[in-house]
Protein backbone atom coordinates (compact mmCIF):
# COMPACT_ATOMS: atom_id res chain seq x y z
CA MET A 1 -10.87 1.85 -2.32
CA SER A 2 -11.99 5.20 -3.07
CA TRP A 3 -10.79 8.49 -1.88
CA ASN A 4 -11.53 12.92 -2.57
CA ASP A 5 -9.09 13.90 -5.42
CA PRO A 6 -7.32 15.45 -4.00
CA LEU A 7 -5.88 13.19 -1.48
CA THR A 8 -5.29 15.59 1.50
CA PHE A 9 -4.21 15.06 4.96
CA SER A 10 -2.97 17.01 7.75
CA ALA A 11 -1.61 17.06 11.06
CA PRO A 12 -1.16 19.64 14.05
CA GLY A 13 2.25 21.82 13.45
CA GLN A 14 2.76 19.76 10.01
CA PRO A 15 2.08 21.54 6.41
CA THR A 16 -1.00 19.92 4.93
CA PHE A 17 -0.14 17.43 2.60
CA VAL A 18 -1.93 17.25 -0.67
CA LEU A 19 -1.80 14.80 -3.36
CA LYS A 20 -3.61 15.10 -6.75
CA THR A 21 -4.79 11.78 -8.06
CA GLU A 22 -6.97 11.87 -10.82
CA ASN A 23 -6.19 9.48 -13.47
CA GLU A 24 -3.05 8.59 -12.23
CA PHE A 25 -3.67 5.31 -10.79
CA PRO A 26 -3.92 2.63 -12.90
CA ALA A 27 -5.87 -0.81 -12.01
CA VAL A 28 -2.21 -2.45 -12.60
CA GLY A 29 -0.47 -4.81 -9.89
CA PHE A 30 0.10 -7.56 -8.08
CA VAL A 31 0.30 -9.51 -4.87
CA LEU A 32 2.68 -12.57 -4.02
CA GLY A 33 2.33 -14.24 -0.73
CA LEU A 34 3.18 -17.19 1.31
CA ASP A 35 1.81 -18.72 4.45
CA TRP A 36 4.32 -20.88 6.17
CA TRP A 37 2.77 -22.97 9.05
CA LEU A 38 5.05 -23.60 11.80
CA THR A 39 2.75 -25.57 14.30
CA GLU A 40 -0.81 -26.94 13.89
CA ARG A 41 -2.52 -23.15 15.02
CA GLY A 42 0.23 -21.11 14.36
CA GLY A 43 2.38 -19.72 11.05
CA LEU A 44 4.06 -16.86 9.32
CA ASN A 45 2.61 -15.10 6.50
CA PHE A 46 4.72 -12.87 3.68
CA ALA A 47 3.30 -10.58 1.17
CA PHE A 48 5.01 -8.80 -1.54
CA ARG A 49 2.49 -6.17 -3.54
CA TYR A 50 3.07 -3.65 -5.73
CA ILE A 51 0.95 -1.15 -7.96
CA ASP A 52 2.20 0.82 -10.86
CA ALA A 53 1.04 4.29 -9.38
CA ASP A 54 1.74 7.82 -10.89
CA ALA A 55 1.07 10.67 -8.92
CA ASP A 56 2.00 14.08 -10.71
CA VAL A 57 2.00 15.19 -14.34
CA SER A 58 6.15 14.30 -13.85
CA HIS A 59 4.78 10.80 -13.43
CA ASN A 60 6.59 10.51 -10.11
CA LEU A 61 5.09 9.18 -6.93
CA PRO A 62 6.50 10.54 -3.36
CA VAL A 63 5.93 7.23 -1.54
CA ASP A 64 7.04 3.88 -2.93
CA PRO A 65 4.26 1.94 -4.47
CA THR A 66 6.08 -1.93 -3.18
CA PHE A 67 4.59 -3.07 -0.18
CA VAL A 68 6.23 -5.64 2.13
CA THR A 69 4.69 -7.55 4.74
CA ILE A 70 5.40 -9.88 7.37
CA GLY A 71 2.90 -11.13 10.06
CA TYR A 72 2.04 -14.04 12.25
CA THR A 73 -1.02 -15.98 12.24
CA TRP A 74 -3.04 -17.73 15.53
CA SER A 75 -5.85 -20.14 14.86
CA PHE A 76 -7.94 -19.82 17.86
């Protein structure tokens, strides 16, 4: 994945979000997952993802670097 530095997002009626990311995202992280088949064609997916990320000089990240996802898979 790549993005511009600084990373910016804007939305109508909102202040522009600016995040300087240079040298703050190391390649340290992990993913744990589980697929649980309920039937022959469908099942549940669980995943836990984490990245060791800092976003400013105080080493604070304004969003949680942990992601938990749950999904449903259907084979057709």
